[in-house]
Amino acid sequence: MTVNHPPHIAALHEKMLRKRLWVVITKAVAPREELAKLLEAHLRHQIRLEKEGIMFGAGPLSNPDGSPTGTGMIIIRADSEADARRIADQDPFHSSGLRTYTLQQWSLNEGRLTITVDFSDQTYRLT
């Protein structure tokens, strides 16, 4: 869908990253005890996606007070909806039916990533 913005808005938008990613919102549909049985397989799957450069980020969602919601978010790089769905379907939690998910396309436009490396003590900080 193309939106016709005034020129000054279009110029700002033109500079934005517009990186297409896919957001998997995953929700538990099984008791925590059942999920625990596949937690290691799920984590190994997530780490593999990270190491292969497929995963942008992932983690649980919580309420403002920090309490768990049973919902998580996984952001992946994929060329198409079909590829994104294939990747999400491979998660052991999803393939076993212990969690369900929805899939949405996301355009990453604005933001900042800061990495500080201190050579003197070989430490780093990601903010």
Protein backbone atom coordinates (compact mmCIF):
# COMPACT_ATOMS: atom_id res chain seq x y z
CA MET A 1 0.00 0.00 0.00
CA THR A 2 1.43 3.36 -1.06
CA VAL A 3 0.66 6.45 1.00
CA ASN A 4 1.04 9.90 -0.53
CA HIS A 5 2.63 12.08 2.14
CA PRO A 6 3.39 15.79 1.82
CA PRO A 7 6.96 16.27 0.50
CA HIS A 8 8.47 17.19 3.88
CA ILE A 9 7.03 14.03 5.47
CA ALA A 10 7.99 11.88 2.47
CA ALA A 11 11.59 13.15 2.75
CA LEU A 12 11.78 12.08 6.41
CA HIS A 13 10.24 8.69 5.65
CA GLU A 14 12.58 8.08 2.72
CA LYS A 15 15.62 8.11 5.06
CA MET A 16 14.17 5.52 7.46
CA LEU A 17 15.51 1.99 7.60
CA ARG A 18 12.28 0.24 6.53
CA LYS A 19 13.74 -3.16 7.38
CA ARG A 20 11.06 -5.82 6.97
CA LEU A 21 10.93 -8.31 9.83
CA TRP A 22 8.33 -10.76 11.12
CA VAL A 23 6.88 -10.76 14.63
CA VAL A 24 5.70 -14.03 16.13
CA ILE A 25 3.44 -13.51 19.14
CA THR A 26 3.36 -16.85 20.90
CA LYS A 27 0.91 -17.84 23.64
CA ALA A 28 0.96 -20.83 25.96
CA VAL A 29 -2.04 -23.14 25.66
CA ALA A 30 -0.67 -25.89 27.90
CA PRO A 31 0.21 -26.01 31.58
CA ARG A 32 3.66 -24.83 32.66
CA GLU A 33 4.62 -28.42 33.57
CA GLU A 34 4.05 -29.54 29.96
CA LEU A 35 6.04 -26.60 28.60
CA ALA A 36 8.93 -27.44 30.94
CA LYS A 37 9.35 -30.81 29.19
CA LEU A 38 10.23 -29.07 25.91
CA LEU A 39 11.96 -25.99 27.30
CA GLU A 40 15.48 -27.21 26.47
CA ALA A 41 14.49 -28.07 22.89
CA HIS A 42 12.79 -24.67 22.51
CA LEU A 43 15.84 -22.81 23.85
CA ARG A 44 18.19 -24.77 21.59
CA HIS A 45 15.94 -23.88 18.64
CA GLN A 46 16.01 -20.20 19.59
CA ILE A 47 19.79 -20.21 19.99
CA ARG A 48 20.17 -21.87 16.57
CA LEU A 49 18.01 -19.15 14.99
CA GLU A 50 20.14 -16.52 16.72
CA LYS A 51 23.45 -18.07 15.60
CA GLU A 52 22.18 -18.44 12.01
CA GLY A 53 21.22 -14.76 11.92
CA ILE A 54 17.51 -15.50 11.53
CA MET A 55 16.42 -14.17 14.92
CA PHE A 56 16.51 -10.44 15.61
CA GLY A 57 15.31 -10.84 19.20
CA ALA A 58 12.98 -12.81 21.44
CA GLY A 59 11.68 -12.99 24.95
CA PRO A 60 8.65 -13.16 27.21
CA LEU A 61 6.14 -10.35 27.56
CA SER A 62 5.06 -9.27 31.02
CA ASN A 63 2.51 -7.02 32.64
CA PRO A 64 3.55 -3.53 33.83
CA ASP A 65 4.12 -4.96 37.32
CA GLY A 66 6.51 -7.57 35.90
CA SER A 67 4.18 -10.53 36.28
CA PRO A 68 4.21 -13.04 33.41
CA THR A 69 1.51 -13.05 30.75
CA GLY A 70 2.25 -16.46 29.23
CA THR A 71 2.93 -14.65 25.98
CA GLY A 72 6.21 -14.18 24.17
CA MET A 73 7.51 -12.31 21.15
CA ILE A 74 10.00 -13.59 18.59
CA ILE A 75 11.24 -11.26 15.84
CA ILE A 76 12.71 -13.03 12.83
CA ARG A 77 14.23 -12.21 9.48
CA ALA A 78 12.47 -13.99 6.61
CA ASP A 79 11.93 -13.28 2.92
CA SER A 80 8.21 -14.03 2.95
CA GLU A 81 5.25 -14.88 5.13
CA ALA A 82 5.62 -18.52 4.11
CA ASP A 83 9.27 -18.57 5.24
CA ALA A 84 8.39 -16.83 8.51
CA ARG A 85 5.59 -19.33 9.17
CA ARG A 86 7.90 -22.26 8.39
CA ILE A 87 10.44 -20.93 10.90
CA ALA A 88 7.78 -20.39 13.57
CA ASP A 89 6.30 -23.85 12.95
CA GLN A 90 9.69 -25.45 13.66
CA ASP A 91 9.71 -24.20 17.26
CA PRO A 92 9.17 -27.33 19.41
CA PHE A 93 6.54 -25.49 21.47
CA HIS A 94 4.54 -24.74 18.31
CA SER A 95 5.05 -28.07 16.54
CA SER A 96 3.90 -29.91 19.68
CA GLY A 97 0.80 -27.73 20.08
CA LEU A 98 1.87 -26.45 23.52
CA ARG A 99 1.88 -22.86 22.25
CA THR A 100 -0.01 -21.14 19.46
CA TYR A 101 1.14 -18.06 17.58
CA THR A 102 0.12 -15.19 15.36
CA LEU A 103 2.38 -13.72 12.72
CA GLN A 104 2.67 -10.10 11.67
CA GLN A 105 5.00 -8.23 9.36
CA TRP A 106 6.90 -5.37 11.00
CA SER A 107 8.78 -2.53 9.39
CA LEU A 108 11.68 -1.38 11.58
CA ASN A 109 11.94 2.33 10.82
CA GLU A 110 13.38 4.14 13.83
CA GLY A 111 15.52 3.26 16.81
CA ARG A 112 19.07 3.04 18.07
CA LEU A 113 21.44 0.28 19.09
CA THR A 114 24.45 1.24 21.19
CA ILE A 115 27.40 -1.03 21.89
CA THR A 116 30.18 0.22 24.19
CA VAL A 117 33.47 -1.70 24.15
CA ASP A 118 36.19 -0.94 26.69
CA PHE A 119 39.49 -2.32 25.51
CA SER A 120 41.24 -1.73 28.83
CA ASP A 121 39.32 -4.45 30.62
CA GLN A 122 37.75 -6.23 27.63
CA THR A 123 34.20 -5.50 28.72
CA TYR A 124 31.20 -4.47 26.69
CA ARG A 125 27.76 -3.03 27.33
CA LEU A 126 24.74 -3.21 25.06
CA THR A 127 22.13 -0.49 25.58
